[in-house]
C-alpha atoms as a PDB file:
ATOM      1  CA  MET A   1     155.213  88.971 120.638  1.00  0.00           C
ATOM      2  CA  ARG A   2     153.605  86.413 122.929  1.00  0.00           C
ATOM      3  CA  LYS A   3     151.386  89.125 124.436  1.00  0.00           C
ATOM      4  CA  ARG A   4     150.212  90.254 120.978  1.00  0.00           C
ATOM      5  CA  SER A   5     149.619  86.661 119.976  1.00  0.00           C
ATOM      6  CA  GLY A   6     147.541  86.100 123.107  1.00  0.00           C
ATOM      7  CA  ILE A   7     145.435  89.208 122.473  1.00  0.00           C
ATOM      8  CA  LYS A   8     144.881  88.102 118.883  1.00  0.00           C
ATOM      9  CA  SER A   9     143.767  84.647 120.030  1.00  0.00           C
ATOM     10  CA  ILE A  10     141.312  86.164 122.511  1.00  0.00           C
ATOM     11  CA  ALA A  11     139.908  88.500 119.824  1.00  0.00           C
ATOM     12  CA  LEU A  12     139.478  85.605 117.399  1.00  0.00           C
ATOM     13  CA  SER A  13     137.741  83.563 120.091  1.00  0.00           C
ATOM     14  CA  ILE A  14     135.342  86.428 120.809  1.00  0.00           C
ATOM     15  CA  ILE A  15     134.583  86.882 117.099  1.00  0.00           C
ATOM     16  CA  ALA A  16     134.013  83.136 116.704  1.00  0.00           C
ATOM     17  CA  SER A  17     131.671  83.099 119.716  1.00  0.00           C
ATOM     18  CA  ILE A  18     129.673  86.040 118.363  1.00  0.00           C
ATOM     19  CA  ALA A  19     129.440  84.352 114.959  1.00  0.00           C
ATOM     20  CA  LEU A  20     128.154  81.158 116.585  1.00  0.00           C
ATOM     21  CA  LEU A  21     125.546  83.090 118.577  1.00  0.00           C
ATOM     22  CA  LEU A  22     124.390  84.948 115.474  1.00  0.00           C
ATOM     23  CA  ALA A  23     124.179  81.679 113.557  1.00  0.00           C
ATOM     24  CA  TYR A  24     122.214  80.011 116.363  1.00  0.00           C
ATOM     25  CA  TYR A  25     119.746  82.829 116.973  1.00  0.00           C
ATOM     26  CA  GLY A  26     119.504  84.128 113.398  1.00  0.00           C
ATOM     27  CA  TYR A  27     119.299  80.866 111.472  1.00  0.00           C
ATOM     28  CA  SER A  28     116.068  79.241 110.350  1.00  0.00           C
ATOM     29  CA  PRO A  29     115.872  76.200 108.064  1.00  0.00           C
ATOM     30  CA  ALA A  30     114.521  76.807 104.574  1.00  0.00           C
ATOM     31  CA  VAL A  31     111.154  75.379 103.577  1.00  0.00           C
ATOM     32  CA  SER A  32     110.711  73.479 100.329  1.00  0.00           C
ATOM     33  CA  ARG A  33     108.259  75.035  97.911  1.00  0.00           C
ATOM     34  CA  PRO A  34     105.206  72.822  97.481  1.00  0.00           C
ATOM     35  CA  ALA A  35     103.978  71.523  94.151  1.00  0.00           C
ATOM     36  CA  LEU A  36     101.104  73.779  93.117  1.00  0.00           C
ATOM     37  CA  ASN A  37      98.678  73.649  90.206  1.00  0.00           C
ATOM     38  CA  GLY A  38      98.240  77.356  89.544  1.00  0.00           C
ATOM     39  CA  GLU A  39     100.445  80.212  88.399  1.00  0.00           C
ATOM     40  CA  PHE A  40     102.619  82.609  90.399  1.00  0.00           C
ATOM     41  CA  ARG A  41     103.139  86.013  88.767  1.00  0.00           C
ATOM     42  CA  SER A  42     104.740  89.355  89.590  1.00  0.00           C
ATOM     43  CA  ASP A  43     103.907  92.812  88.276  1.00  0.00           C
ATOM     44  CA  THR A  44     104.099  96.534  89.027  1.00  0.00           C
ATOM     45  CA  LEU A  45     101.779  99.523  88.962  1.00  0.00           C
ATOM     46  CA  GLU A  46     102.300 103.233  89.479  1.00  0.00           C
ATOM     47  CA  ILE A  47     100.874 105.014  92.492  1.00  0.00           C
ATOM     48  CA  ASP A  48     101.547 108.757  92.806  1.00  0.00           C
ATOM     49  CA  ASP A  49     104.542 108.525  90.443  1.00  0.00           C
ATOM     50  CA  ILE A  50     106.061 105.633  92.430  1.00  0.00           C
ATOM     51  CA  GLN A  51     106.462 102.164  90.978  1.00  0.00           C
ATOM     52  CA  ARG A  52     104.915  99.645  93.374  1.00  0.00           C
ATOM     53  CA  SER A  53     105.453  95.938  92.972  1.00  0.00           C
ATOM     54  CA  TYR A  54     103.353  92.938  93.913  1.00  0.00           C
ATOM     55  CA  SER A  55     103.115  89.211  93.291  1.00  0.00           C
ATOM     56  CA  PHE A  56     100.051  87.015  93.165  1.00  0.00           C
ATOM     57  CA  TYR A  57      99.028  83.388  92.951  1.00  0.00           C
ATOM     58  CA  LEU A  58      96.202  82.293  90.635  1.00  0.00           C
ATOM     59  CA  PRO A  59      94.856  78.777  91.194  1.00  0.00           C
ATOM     60  CA  ASN A  60      93.577  76.782  88.262  1.00  0.00           C
ATOM     61  CA  ASN A  61      89.825  76.689  87.640  1.00  0.00           C
ATOM     62  CA  LEU A  62      88.923  79.855  89.521  1.00  0.00           C
ATOM     63  CA  PRO A  63      85.189  80.141  90.234  1.00  0.00           C
ATOM     64  CA  ASP A  64      83.135  83.181  89.322  1.00  0.00           C
ATOM     65  CA  GLN A  65      83.716  86.058  91.734  1.00  0.00           C
ATOM     66  CA  PRO A  66      86.518  84.442  93.756  1.00  0.00           C
ATOM     67  CA  ALA A  67      87.632  85.787  97.109  1.00  0.00           C
ATOM     68  CA  LEU A  68      90.717  88.013  97.205  1.00  0.00           C
ATOM     69  CA  VAL A  69      93.224  87.589 100.058  1.00  0.00           C
ATOM     70  CA  PHE A  70      96.153  89.942 100.679  1.00  0.00           C
ATOM     71  CA  MET A  71      99.137  88.721 102.701  1.00  0.00           C
ATOM     72  CA  LEU A  72     101.359  91.588 103.892  1.00  0.00           C
ATOM     73  CA  HIS A  73     104.956  91.095 104.995  1.00  0.00           C
ATOM     74  CA  GLY A  74     106.498  92.627 108.096  1.00  0.00           C
ATOM     75  CA  SER A  75     108.921  95.507 108.469  1.00  0.00           C
ATOM     76  CA  LEU A  76     112.240  95.024 106.619  1.00  0.00           C
ATOM     77  CA  GLN A  77     110.849  91.902 104.946  1.00  0.00           C
ATOM     78  CA  SER A  78     110.168  91.066 101.308  1.00  0.00           C
ATOM     79  CA  ILE A  79     107.545  89.072  99.450  1.00  0.00           C
ATOM     80  CA  ASP A  80     109.901  86.087  99.342  1.00  0.00           C
ATOM     81  CA  ASP A  81     110.396  86.362 103.098  1.00  0.00           C
ATOM     82  CA  ILE A  82     106.703  86.211 103.975  1.00  0.00           C
ATOM     83  CA  ARG A  83     106.110  83.348 101.544  1.00  0.00           C
ATOM     84  CA  GLY A  84     108.799  81.334 103.303  1.00  0.00           C
ATOM     85  CA  TYR A  85     107.786  82.469 106.800  1.00  0.00           C
ATOM     86  CA  THR A  86     104.264  81.158 106.174  1.00  0.00           C
ATOM     87  CA  ALA A  87     105.701  77.961 104.623  1.00  0.00           C
ATOM     88  CA  TYR A  88     103.733  78.737 101.437  1.00  0.00           C
ATOM     89  CA  GLN A  89     100.585  77.756 103.318  1.00  0.00           C
ATOM     90  CA  PHE A  90      98.467  80.561 101.863  1.00  0.00           C
ATOM     91  CA  GLU A  91      99.311  79.394  98.341  1.00  0.00           C
ATOM     92  CA  GLN A  92      98.311  75.844  99.207  1.00  0.00           C
ATOM     93  CA  LEU A  93      95.100  77.142 100.772  1.00  0.00           C
ATOM     94  CA  ALA A  94      94.420  79.193  97.629  1.00  0.00           C
ATOM     95  CA  ASP A  95      94.846  76.023  95.555  1.00  0.00           C
ATOM     96  CA  GLN A  96      92.466  74.123  97.794  1.00  0.00           C
ATOM     97  CA  HIS A  97      89.795  76.795  98.257  1.00  0.00           C
ATOM     98  CA  LYS A  98      90.132  78.671  94.952  1.00  0.00           C
ATOM     99  CA  PHE A  99      90.816  82.233  96.055  1.00  0.00           C
ATOM    100  CA  ILE A 100      93.252  84.755  94.568  1.00  0.00           C
ATOM    101  CA  LEU A 101      96.257  85.418  96.787  1.00  0.00           C
ATOM    102  CA  VAL A 102      98.138  88.728  96.545  1.00  0.00           C
ATOM    103  CA  TYR A 103     101.497  89.640  98.085  1.00  0.00           C
ATOM    104  CA  PRO A 104     101.998  93.428  97.851  1.00  0.00           C
ATOM    105  CA  ALA A 105     105.497  94.804  98.474  1.00  0.00           C
ATOM    106  CA  GLY A 106     105.900  97.600 100.990  1.00  0.00           C
ATOM    107  CA  TYR A 107     107.670 100.832 100.107  1.00  0.00           C
ATOM    108  CA  LYS A 108     111.339 100.175 100.919  1.00  0.00           C
ATOM    109  CA  ASN A 109     110.095  97.094 102.799  1.00  0.00           C
ATOM    110  CA  ASN A 110     107.761  99.024 105.108  1.00  0.00           C
ATOM    111  CA  TRP A 111     104.086 100.024 105.329  1.00  0.00           C
ATOM    112  CA  ASN A 112     102.604 103.377 106.276  1.00  0.00           C
ATOM    113  CA  ASP A 113     100.538 102.316 109.281  1.00  0.00           C
ATOM    114  CA  CYS A 114      98.861 104.200 112.139  1.00  0.00           C
ATOM    115  CA  ARG A 115     101.834 104.560 114.510  1.00  0.00           C
ATOM    116  CA  LYS A 116     102.607 108.262 114.883  1.00  0.00           C
ATOM    117  CA  THR A 117     106.057 107.719 116.399  1.00  0.00           C
ATOM    118  CA  ALA A 118     107.407 105.432 113.664  1.00  0.00           C
ATOM    119  CA  ASN A 119     109.865 107.049 111.240  1.00  0.00           C
ATOM    120  CA  TYR A 120     110.603 104.364 108.651  1.00  0.00           C
ATOM    121  CA  PRO A 121     110.440 105.436 104.971  1.00  0.00           C
ATOM    122  CA  ALA A 122     106.765 104.664 104.277  1.00  0.00           C
ATOM    123  CA  ARG A 123     105.726 106.767 107.282  1.00  0.00           C
ATOM    124  CA  ALA A 124     108.320 109.522 106.804  1.00  0.00           C
ATOM    125  CA  GLN A 125     107.233 110.026 103.175  1.00  0.00           C
ATOM    126  CA  ASN A 126     103.551 109.435 103.915  1.00  0.00           C
ATOM    127  CA  ILE A 127     103.274 106.771 101.222  1.00  0.00           C
ATOM    128  CA  ASP A 128      99.641 106.126 100.272  1.00  0.00           C
ATOM    129  CA  ASP A 129      99.446 102.394 100.964  1.00  0.00           C
ATOM    130  CA  ILE A 130      95.663 102.580 101.260  1.00  0.00           C
ATOM    131  CA  LYS A 131      95.499 103.783  97.664  1.00  0.00           C
ATOM    132  CA  PHE A 132      97.941 101.041  96.612  1.00  0.00           C
ATOM    133  CA  ILE A 133      95.812  98.250  98.108  1.00  0.00           C
ATOM    134  CA  LYS A 134      92.517  99.718  96.873  1.00  0.00           C
ATOM    135  CA  THR A 135      93.992 100.027  93.370  1.00  0.00           C
ATOM    136  CA  LEU A 136      94.985  96.366  93.524  1.00  0.00           C
ATOM    137  CA  MET A 137      91.459  95.456  94.628  1.00  0.00           C
ATOM    138  CA  SER A 138      90.003  97.224  91.593  1.00  0.00           C
ATOM    139  CA  HIS A 139      92.626  95.674  89.317  1.00  0.00           C
ATOM    140  CA  PHE A 140      91.817  92.114  90.361  1.00  0.00           C
ATOM    141  CA  GLN A 141      88.097  92.769  90.250  1.00  0.00           C
ATOM    142  CA  HIS A 142      88.266  94.053  86.662  1.00  0.00           C
ATOM    143  CA  ARG A 143      90.852  91.565  85.398  1.00  0.00           C
ATOM    144  CA  PHE A 144      89.907  88.360  87.203  1.00  0.00           C
ATOM    145  CA  GLY A 145      86.392  89.010  88.492  1.00  0.00           C
ATOM    146  CA  SER A 146      87.195  88.949  92.210  1.00  0.00           C
ATOM    147  CA  ASN A 147      84.286  89.841  94.455  1.00  0.00           C
ATOM    148  CA  SER A 148      84.715  93.260  96.099  1.00  0.00           C
ATOM    149  CA  THR A 149      82.718  92.075  99.137  1.00  0.00           C
ATOM    150  CA  LYS A 150      85.096  89.149  99.632  1.00  0.00           C
ATOM    151  CA  SER A 151      88.397  91.010  99.962  1.00  0.00           C
ATOM    152  CA  PHE A 152      90.458  90.185 103.056  1.00  0.00           C
ATOM    153  CA  MET A 153      93.796  91.224 104.486  1.00  0.00           C
ATOM    154  CA  ALA A 154      96.252  89.290 106.640  1.00  0.00           C
ATOM    155  CA  GLY A 155      99.465  90.906 107.817  1.00  0.00           C
ATOM    156  CA  PHE A 156     102.469  90.104 109.953  1.00  0.00           C
ATOM    157  CA  SER A 157     103.881  92.756 112.308  1.00  0.00           C
ATOM    158  CA  ASN A 158     104.062  96.033 110.291  1.00  0.00           C
ATOM    159  CA  GLY A 159     101.742  94.355 107.756  1.00  0.00           C
ATOM    160  CA  GLY A 160      99.268  93.630 110.537  1.00  0.00           C
ATOM    161  CA  HIS A 161      99.382  97.302 111.478  1.00  0.00           C
ATOM    162  CA  LEU A 162      98.376  98.248 107.945  1.00  0.00           C
ATOM    163  CA  GLY A 163      95.479  95.836 108.394  1.00  0.00           C
ATOM    164  CA  PHE A 164      94.466  97.807 111.490  1.00  0.00           C
ATOM    165  CA  ARG A 165      94.603 100.986 109.426  1.00  0.00           C
ATOM    166  CA  PHE A 166      92.209  99.459 106.882  1.00  0.00           C
ATOM    167  CA  ALA A 167      89.853  98.333 109.652  1.00  0.00           C
ATOM    168  CA  LEU A 168      89.798 101.829 111.175  1.00  0.00           C
ATOM    169  CA  GLU A 169      89.773 104.023 108.060  1.00  0.00           C
ATOM    170  CA  GLN A 170      88.376 101.800 105.291  1.00  0.00           C
ATOM    171  CA  PRO A 171      85.904  99.508 107.091  1.00  0.00           C
ATOM    172  CA  ASN A 172      83.521  99.385 104.142  1.00  0.00           C
ATOM    173  CA  ASN A 173      86.246  98.275 101.732  1.00  0.00           C
ATOM    174  CA  ILE A 174      87.456  95.156 103.522  1.00  0.00           C
ATOM    175  CA  GLY A 175      85.646  91.956 104.468  1.00  0.00           C
ATOM    176  CA  GLY A 176      87.900  91.252 107.432  1.00  0.00           C
ATOM    177  CA  ILE A 177      91.479  91.481 108.654  1.00  0.00           C
ATOM    178  CA  ALA A 178      93.912  89.234 110.503  1.00  0.00           C
ATOM    179  CA  ALA A 179      96.833  90.848 112.362  1.00  0.00           C
ATOM    180  CA  ILE A 180      99.715  88.678 113.565  1.00  0.00           C
ATOM    181  CA  SER A 181     102.292  89.980 116.068  1.00  0.00           C
ATOM    182  CA  ALA A 182     100.624  93.412 116.217  1.00  0.00           C
ATOM    183  CA  ASN A 183      98.562  95.456 118.684  1.00  0.00           C
ATOM    184  CA  LEU A 184      96.662  98.685 118.086  1.00  0.00           C
ATOM    185  CA  PRO A 185      98.654 101.868 118.799  1.00  0.00           C
ATOM    186  CA  SER A 186      97.860 103.608 122.065  1.00  0.00           C
ATOM    187  CA  ALA A 187      95.758 106.787 121.885  1.00  0.00           C
ATOM    188  CA  SER A 188      98.861 109.005 122.078  1.00  0.00           C
ATOM    189  CA  ASN A 189     100.522 107.041 119.243  1.00  0.00           C
ATOM    190  CA  LEU A 190      97.492 106.721 116.950  1.00  0.00           C
ATOM    191  CA  ASP A 191      97.696 108.701 113.713  1.00  0.00           C
ATOM    192  CA  CYS A 192      94.611 107.296 111.968  1.00  0.00           C
ATOM    193  CA  PHE A 193      90.966 108.275 112.071  1.00  0.00           C
ATOM    194  CA  ASP A 194      88.714 105.587 113.516  1.00  0.00           C
ATOM    195  CA  LYS A 195      85.387 105.659 111.688  1.00  0.00           C
ATOM    196  CA  GLY A 196      83.868 103.404 114.338  1.00  0.00           C
ATOM    197  CA  VAL A 197      82.402 100.937 111.828  1.00  0.00           C
ATOM    198  CA  ALA A 198      82.514  97.232 112.627  1.00  0.00           C
ATOM    199  CA  VAL A 199      84.889  94.926 110.764  1.00  0.00           C
ATOM    200  CA  PRO A 200      85.618  91.233 111.466  1.00  0.00           C
ATOM    201  CA  VAL A 201      89.050  91.159 113.123  1.00  0.00           C
ATOM    202  CA  LEU A 202      91.363  88.333 114.153  1.00  0.00           C
ATOM    203  CA  VAL A 203      94.452  89.041 116.291  1.00  0.00           C
ATOM    204  CA  MET A 204      97.141  86.370 116.801  1.00  0.00           C
ATOM    205  CA  ASN A 205      99.900  87.240 119.285  1.00  0.00           C
ATOM    206  CA  GLY A 206     102.567  85.557 121.401  1.00  0.00           C
ATOM    207  CA  THR A 207     102.984  86.396 125.088  1.00  0.00           C
ATOM    208  CA  ASP A 208     106.806  86.342 124.823  1.00  0.00           C
ATOM    209  CA  ASP A 209     107.048  88.527 121.729  1.00  0.00           C
ATOM    210  CA  PRO A 210     110.305  90.536 122.048  1.00  0.00           C
ATOM    211  CA  ILE A 211     109.127  93.248 119.621  1.00  0.00           C
ATOM    212  CA  ASN A 212     105.352  93.646 119.975  1.00  0.00           C
ATOM    213  CA  PRO A 213     104.611  93.464 123.735  1.00  0.00           C
ATOM    214  CA  TYR A 214     101.584  91.238 124.328  1.00  0.00           C
ATOM    215  CA  HIS A 215     100.600  93.209 127.427  1.00  0.00           C
ATOM    216  CA  GLY A 216     101.145  96.564 125.754  1.00  0.00           C
ATOM    217  CA  GLY A 217     103.960  99.091 125.900  1.00  0.00           C
ATOM    218  CA  ARG A 218     106.815 100.294 123.727  1.00  0.00           C
ATOM    219  CA  VAL A 219     107.558  98.652 120.354  1.00  0.00           C
ATOM    220  CA  THR A 220     111.198  98.595 119.235  1.00  0.00           C
ATOM    221  CA  LEU A 221     113.399  96.352 117.122  1.00  0.00           C
ATOM    222  CA  PHE A 222     115.529  95.086 119.994  1.00  0.00           C
ATOM    223  CA  GLY A 223     116.037  98.613 121.295  1.00  0.00           C
ATOM    224  CA  PHE A 224     116.266 100.296 117.890  1.00  0.00           C
ATOM    225  CA  GLY A 225     113.657 101.870 115.583  1.00  0.00           C
ATOM    226  CA  ASP A 226     111.138 103.189 118.112  1.00  0.00           C
ATOM    227  CA  ARG A 227     107.550 102.564 116.946  1.00  0.00           C
ATOM    228  CA  GLY A 228     105.870 104.069 120.006  1.00  0.00           C
ATOM    229  CA  ASP A 229     103.397 102.544 122.460  1.00  0.00           C
ATOM    230  CA  VAL A 230     100.696  99.997 121.683  1.00  0.00           C
ATOM    231  CA  LEU A 231      97.706  98.691 123.603  1.00  0.00           C
ATOM    232  CA  SER A 232      97.682  95.190 125.037  1.00  0.00           C
ATOM    233  CA  SER A 233      96.423  92.342 122.873  1.00  0.00           C
ATOM    234  CA  ILE A 234      93.252  91.973 124.931  1.00  0.00           C
ATOM    235  CA  ALA A 235      92.594  95.737 124.792  1.00  0.00           C
ATOM    236  CA  THR A 236      93.081  95.591 121.004  1.00  0.00           C
ATOM    237  CA  ALA A 237      90.504  92.820 120.645  1.00  0.00           C
ATOM    238  CA  GLU A 238      88.117  94.550 123.061  1.00  0.00           C
ATOM    239  CA  HIS A 239      88.327  97.774 121.032  1.00  0.00           C
ATOM    240  CA  PHE A 240      87.084  96.011 117.913  1.00  0.00           C
ATOM    241  CA  ALA A 241      84.508  94.047 119.936  1.00  0.00           C
ATOM    242  CA  ARG A 242      83.034  97.283 121.304  1.00  0.00           C
ATOM    243  CA  THR A 243      82.969  98.779 117.816  1.00  0.00           C
ATOM    244  CA  ALA A 244      81.113  95.673 116.633  1.00  0.00           C
ATOM    245  CA  GLY A 245      78.480  96.219 119.320  1.00  0.00           C
ATOM    246  CA  TYR A 246      79.407  93.550 121.869  1.00  0.00           C
ATOM    247  CA  HIS A 247      79.049  94.191 125.575  1.00  0.00           C
ATOM    248  CA  GLY A 248      80.870  92.226 128.221  1.00  0.00           C
ATOM    249  CA  ALA A 249      83.022  89.127 128.058  1.00  0.00           C
ATOM    250  CA  PRO A 250      83.705  87.069 124.933  1.00  0.00           C
ATOM    251  CA  SER A 251      81.154  84.382 124.124  1.00  0.00           C
ATOM    252  CA  GLU A 252      83.585  81.555 123.468  1.00  0.00           C
ATOM    253  CA  THR A 253      86.958  80.308 124.700  1.00  0.00           C
ATOM    254  CA  LYS A 254      88.856  77.384 123.214  1.00  0.00           C
ATOM    255  CA  TYR A 255      92.092  75.758 124.384  1.00  0.00           C
ATOM    256  CA  PHE A 256      94.129  73.763 121.870  1.00  0.00           C
ATOM    257  CA  PHE A 257      95.667  70.412 122.758  1.00  0.00           C
ATOM    258  CA  ASN A 258      99.429  70.445 122.255  1.00  0.00           C
ATOM    259  CA  SER A 259     100.667  67.091 120.967  1.00  0.00           C
ATOM    260  CA  GLN A 260     104.136  68.417 120.065  1.00  0.00           C
ATOM    261  CA  HIS A 261     106.551  67.311 122.801  1.00  0.00           C
ATOM    262  CA  ASP A 262     109.249  69.774 121.647  1.00  0.00           C
ATOM    263  CA  ASP A 263     106.851  72.747 121.614  1.00  0.00           C
ATOM    264  CA  PRO A 264     106.863  74.825 124.829  1.00  0.00           C
ATOM    265  CA  THR A 265     103.889  76.957 123.769  1.00  0.00           C
ATOM    266  CA  ALA A 266     100.186  76.680 124.533  1.00  0.00           C
ATOM    267  CA  THR A 267      97.416  78.314 122.509  1.00  0.00           C
ATOM    268  CA  LYS A 268      93.865  79.417 123.172  1.00  0.00           C
ATOM    269  CA  TYR A 269      91.444  81.793 121.536  1.00  0.00           C
ATOM    270  CA  ILE A 270      88.634  83.946 122.817  1.00  0.00           C
ATOM    271  CA  ALA A 271      85.886  85.035 120.459  1.00  0.00           C
ATOM    272  CA  TRP A 272      82.991  87.450 120.316  1.00  0.00           C
ATOM    273  CA  ARG A 273      80.506  86.127 117.784  1.00  0.00           C
ATOM    274  CA  ASP A 274      76.796  85.789 117.178  1.00  0.00           C
ATOM    275  CA  ASN A 275      74.498  86.122 114.206  1.00  0.00           C
ATOM    276  CA  GLN A 276      74.139  89.905 114.385  1.00  0.00           C
ATOM    277  CA  HIS A 277      77.635  91.347 114.827  1.00  0.00           C
ATOM    278  CA  ALA A 278      81.058  91.182 113.210  1.00  0.00           C
ATOM    279  CA  GLU A 279      83.202  88.311 114.496  1.00  0.00           C
ATOM    280  CA  ILE A 280      86.194  89.255 116.685  1.00  0.00           C
ATOM    281  CA  MET A 281      88.886  86.770 117.774  1.00  0.00           C
ATOM    282  CA  LEU A 282      92.074  86.858 119.817  1.00  0.00           C
ATOM    283  CA  TYR A 283      94.520  83.953 119.623  1.00  0.00           C
ATOM    284  CA  THR A 284      96.947  83.976 122.551  1.00  0.00           C
ATOM    285  CA  VAL A 285     100.081  81.880 122.111  1.00  0.00           C
ATOM    286  CA  THR A 286     101.535  81.490 125.601  1.00  0.00           C
ATOM    287  CA  GLY A 287     105.314  81.348 125.241  1.00  0.00           C
ATOM    288  CA  GLY A 288     105.114  82.352 121.573  1.00  0.00           C
ATOM    289  CA  GLY A 289     107.379  84.993 120.045  1.00  0.00           C
ATOM    290  CA  HIS A 290     107.247  87.448 117.150  1.00  0.00           C
ATOM    291  CA  THR A 291     106.285  84.583 114.888  1.00  0.00           C
ATOM    292  CA  ILE A 292     103.481  83.054 112.829  1.00  0.00           C
ATOM    293  CA  PRO A 293     102.226  79.841 114.470  1.00  0.00           C
ATOM    294  CA  GLN A 294     102.451  76.839 112.153  1.00  0.00           C
ATOM    295  CA  PRO A 295     104.205  73.464 112.242  1.00  0.00           C
ATOM    296  CA  TYR A 296     106.156  73.773 108.985  1.00  0.00           C
ATOM    297  CA  PHE A 297     108.640  76.621 109.489  1.00  0.00           C
ATOM    298  CA  ARG A 298     110.686  77.716 112.486  1.00  0.00           C
ATOM    299  CA  PHE A 299     111.340  81.435 112.713  1.00  0.00           C
ATOM    300  CA  PRO A 300     114.829  82.631 113.693  1.00  0.00           C
ATOM    301  CA  ARG A 301     115.247  81.998 117.431  1.00  0.00           C
ATOM    302  CA  ILE A 302     115.991  85.671 118.060  1.00  0.00           C
ATOM    303  CA  LEU A 303     112.280  86.345 117.417  1.00  0.00           C
ATOM    304  CA  GLY A 304     111.165  83.845 120.054  1.00  0.00           C
ATOM    305  CA  ALA A 305     109.438  80.474 119.929  1.00  0.00           C
ATOM    306  CA  THR A 306     107.395  79.412 116.908  1.00  0.00           C
ATOM    307  CA  SER A 307     104.318  77.504 118.046  1.00  0.00           C
ATOM    308  CA  LYS A 308     103.566  74.246 116.225  1.00  0.00           C
ATOM    309  CA  GLU A 309     100.262  73.791 117.982  1.00  0.00           C
ATOM    310  CA  ILE A 310      98.054  75.468 115.389  1.00  0.00           C
ATOM    311  CA  ASN A 311      98.385  76.228 111.703  1.00  0.00           C
ATOM    312  CA  GLY A 312      98.017  80.011 111.746  1.00  0.00           C
ATOM    313  CA  PRO A 313      97.394  80.458 107.996  1.00  0.00           C
ATOM    314  CA  ALA A 314      94.684  77.759 108.052  1.00  0.00           C
ATOM    315  CA  GLU A 315      93.022  79.376 111.085  1.00  0.00           C
ATOM    316  CA  ILE A 316      93.088  82.745 109.330  1.00  0.00           C
ATOM    317  CA  TRP A 317      91.572  81.400 106.120  1.00  0.00           C
ATOM    318  CA  ALA A 318      88.831  79.627 108.123  1.00  0.00           C
ATOM    319  CA  PHE A 319      88.054  82.990 109.760  1.00  0.00           C
ATOM    320  CA  PHE A 320      87.889  84.767 106.388  1.00  0.00           C
ATOM    321  CA  HIS A 321      85.764  81.975 104.921  1.00  0.00           C
ATOM    322  CA  ARG A 322      83.204  82.322 107.712  1.00  0.00           C
ATOM    323  CA  GLN A 323      82.724  85.978 106.801  1.00  0.00           C
ATOM    324  CA  MET A 324      81.489  84.944 103.341  1.00  0.00           C
ATOM    325  CA  ASN A 325      78.703  82.718 104.660  1.00  0.00           C
END
């Protein structure tokens, strides 16, 4: 009896330890929803006999021909997840700058991106996410007067990969993209056609990302769900810079000053920009994980460090705004 009791105690201790580890590495504190002046709505539309859902935020007093910004969640995430993970910053920015913000929902929480190896539902069933987004663009243009030349797409992880797909295959239908925690697929893993037309592109990646390797290589979800190989972050940015017509090194480098004593990360960006070519930027978050840099929400620790040094959503909107000038 004593032996059984001892084994039971050890098993309970192991279970308790695992539970504590999961709580420590999987927990992230909730963010309070800010007071906003506009209206948040949700709706559906049918694409190829499939009901697709989306939500959107409409600020009060929209101007004529407002900009349209899509924010795409990551793999296995929902609209509510990405709203919280960005600390509702895009909604506050929409309030301040008067653009329409759209949160599309991926098919079974995934997007059909360019990675040949990936086998999640949107890829396996070849879901037409390009058609879904383009239909939403037309919908908001006809219903709310959004300007088709001022449509932009930001995406996290799998959502960033769909942004890459738009930049490669639909360059004339997007004003610019921002990809967070995502690198272009390698040549052997690329299942999209690159039209070779310049698009403004911003890439924002952490060097200690446990899922999307900053220096290139295999993408997995902690050893599961193989997504195939990707290029390095610098090679990703250089690809778009070459497409835009730049030759040689970036024209600008900026280091950010970290005033957060509890933040182990450091951020810089390099940029290719002039008055004749599409703007290309790479934000490197040294020590950053599979996270969206911003000081208002801490991602689960299992995904790595969340940098507080820059406000990623604000940097992304500033990039999009420059493309309209």
